[in-house]
């Protein structure tokens, strides 16, 4: 099962998704105090839809997660901005978590982002960066998976 981690006690409030975990191991390796969050299980299909940018999470109601379909149309400028924000978040994680079990995974992903040839992409890019990497057979991680 996959896990969606929300801010606690905000049932029905939009925008409270904090992070996602693909499995119990990833959930246990998050840098969070689980008692401070509402953790809901859902299917691998829904996890993948969020990870690859096909859906986004609106909110949770009791034990149900409410999703909406998503579409993308990145200009080169938009993609540069997205990649830079993502790299900044990853750098922050890497600086303070040198002994974390996911350090190498995220360090490798950071290097993958650094080597991304933004000029080799046809714009507008009508898919998420995560789906783009998946389609190329490369590692694909969503920012919400960052521990």
Protein backbone atom coordinates (compact mmCIF):
# COMPACT_ATOMS: atom_id res chain seq x y z
CA UNK A 1 0.00 0.00 0.00
CA UNK A 2 0.99 3.60 -0.59
CA UNK A 3 0.64 6.36 1.98
CA UNK A 4 -0.52 9.95 1.81
CA UNK A 5 0.50 12.10 4.76
CA UNK A 6 -1.65 15.12 5.61
CA UNK A 7 -1.56 17.85 8.22
CA UNK A 8 -3.48 16.46 11.18
CA UNK A 9 -6.98 17.52 12.24
CA UNK A 10 -7.75 19.30 8.97
CA UNK A 11 -10.43 17.00 7.61
CA UNK A 12 -12.04 18.57 4.54
CA UNK A 13 -9.49 21.38 4.26
CA UNK A 14 -7.87 21.77 0.85
CA UNK A 15 -4.10 21.86 0.43
CA UNK A 16 -3.13 19.86 3.52
CA UNK A 17 -1.11 17.10 1.80
CA UNK A 18 2.37 17.11 3.35
CA UNK A 19 4.12 14.21 1.62
CA UNK A 20 3.69 10.79 0.05
CA UNK A 21 5.34 7.43 0.63
CA UNK A 22 5.27 4.57 -1.84
CA UNK A 23 5.44 1.85 0.78
CA UNK A 24 5.79 1.21 4.51
CA UNK A 25 9.58 1.35 4.34
CA UNK A 26 9.47 4.82 2.78
CA UNK A 27 6.88 5.89 5.35
CA UNK A 28 9.13 4.74 8.19
CA UNK A 29 12.09 6.64 6.72
CA UNK A 30 10.34 10.00 6.57
CA UNK A 31 11.70 12.69 8.84
CA UNK A 32 8.38 13.17 10.63
CA UNK A 33 6.70 12.42 13.93
CA UNK A 34 3.82 10.29 12.63
CA UNK A 35 1.54 11.20 15.52
CA UNK A 36 1.49 14.78 14.21
CA UNK A 37 0.00 13.77 10.84
CA UNK A 38 -3.05 12.09 9.35
CA UNK A 39 -1.71 9.11 7.41
CA UNK A 40 -4.04 7.48 4.90
CA UNK A 41 -3.40 4.36 2.86
CA UNK A 42 -4.38 4.20 -0.78
CA UNK A 43 -3.68 2.16 -3.88
CA UNK A 44 -0.45 2.02 -5.83
CA UNK A 45 -2.38 3.28 -8.87
CA UNK A 46 -3.45 6.46 -7.05
CA UNK A 47 0.09 6.91 -5.73
CA UNK A 48 1.49 6.60 -9.26
CA UNK A 49 -1.10 9.03 -10.62
CA UNK A 50 0.06 11.63 -8.08
CA UNK A 51 3.76 10.80 -8.49
CA UNK A 52 3.60 11.17 -12.27
CA UNK A 53 1.41 14.26 -12.21
CA UNK A 54 -1.77 12.77 -13.62
CA UNK A 55 -3.73 13.68 -10.49
CA UNK A 56 -3.29 15.94 -7.53
CA UNK A 57 -4.68 15.60 -4.05
CA UNK A 58 -7.27 18.19 -3.11
CA UNK A 59 -8.03 17.09 0.48
CA UNK A 60 -9.06 14.21 2.65
CA UNK A 61 -12.47 13.53 4.16
CA UNK A 62 -12.33 11.17 7.11
CA UNK A 63 -10.58 8.17 5.49
CA UNK A 64 -11.06 9.14 1.82
CA UNK A 65 -8.68 11.09 -0.37
CA UNK A 66 -10.22 13.46 -2.92
CA UNK A 67 -8.28 13.74 -6.20
CA UNK A 68 -8.56 15.88 -9.29
CA UNK A 69 -7.13 15.29 -12.74
CA UNK A 70 -4.12 17.34 -13.72
CA UNK A 71 -2.62 18.51 -17.00
CA UNK A 72 0.72 20.10 -17.77
CA UNK A 73 2.11 22.52 -20.31
CA UNK A 74 5.62 23.55 -19.32
CA UNK A 75 7.43 26.27 -21.21
CA UNK A 76 11.20 26.10 -21.02
CA UNK A 77 11.15 28.88 -18.43
CA UNK A 78 8.53 27.03 -16.34
CA UNK A 79 10.56 23.84 -16.44
CA UNK A 80 13.79 25.63 -15.49
CA UNK A 81 12.00 27.16 -12.51
CA UNK A 82 10.49 23.82 -11.45
CA UNK A 83 13.85 22.05 -11.70
CA UNK A 84 15.63 24.80 -9.73
CA UNK A 85 13.06 24.73 -6.92
CA UNK A 86 13.26 20.94 -6.79
CA UNK A 87 17.07 21.00 -6.72
CA UNK A 88 17.01 23.53 -3.89
CA UNK A 89 14.72 21.30 -1.82
CA UNK A 90 16.91 18.27 -2.49
CA UNK A 91 20.06 20.22 -1.57
CA UNK A 92 18.51 21.19 1.75
CA UNK A 93 17.67 17.56 2.49
CA UNK A 94 21.16 16.37 1.48
CA UNK A 95 22.97 18.96 3.62
CA UNK A 96 21.26 17.93 6.85
CA UNK A 97 20.71 14.21 6.22
CA UNK A 98 24.08 12.78 5.21
CA UNK A 99 23.34 9.51 7.06
CA UNK A 100 19.74 9.09 5.89
CA UNK A 101 18.91 5.79 4.16
CA UNK A 102 17.65 7.71 1.11
CA UNK A 103 20.68 10.00 0.83
CA UNK A 104 22.21 8.23 -2.20
CA UNK A 105 18.87 7.96 -3.99
CA UNK A 106 18.26 11.70 -3.69
CA UNK A 107 21.87 12.62 -4.37
CA UNK A 108 21.72 10.62 -7.61
CA UNK A 109 18.42 12.27 -8.51
CA UNK A 110 19.95 15.69 -7.85
CA UNK A 111 22.78 14.80 -10.24
CA UNK A 112 20.24 13.60 -12.81
CA UNK A 113 18.48 16.97 -12.58
CA UNK A 114 21.81 18.76 -12.98
CA UNK A 115 22.56 16.86 -16.16
CA UNK A 116 19.09 17.34 -17.68
CA UNK A 117 19.43 18.84 -21.16
CA UNK A 118 16.63 21.40 -21.12
CA UNK A 119 17.43 22.40 -24.70
CA UNK A 120 16.76 18.86 -25.90
CA UNK A 121 13.13 18.94 -24.78
CA UNK A 122 10.30 19.89 -27.13
CA UNK A 123 8.14 22.67 -25.68
CA UNK A 124 5.57 22.97 -24.50
CA UNK A 125 6.21 19.84 -22.44
CA UNK A 126 2.71 18.47 -22.00
CA UNK A 127 3.53 16.10 -19.17
CA UNK A 128 5.11 16.33 -15.75
CA UNK A 129 8.87 16.14 -15.37
CA UNK A 130 8.31 12.94 -13.40
CA UNK A 131 6.38 11.37 -16.31
CA UNK A 132 9.04 12.63 -18.73
CA UNK A 133 11.76 10.82 -16.76
CA UNK A 134 9.62 7.69 -16.48
CA UNK A 135 9.07 7.67 -20.25
CA UNK A 136 12.85 7.86 -20.73
CA UNK A 137 13.37 4.93 -18.34
CA UNK A 138 15.16 7.15 -15.82
CA UNK A 139 14.67 7.48 -12.09
CA UNK A 140 11.56 9.48 -11.38
CA UNK A 141 10.86 10.97 -7.96
CA UNK A 142 8.17 13.41 -6.93
CA UNK A 143 9.03 16.32 -4.60
CA UNK A 144 6.40 15.04 -2.15
CA UNK A 145 8.50 11.88 -1.71
CA UNK A 146 11.43 13.84 -0.27
CA UNK A 147 11.95 12.64 3.32
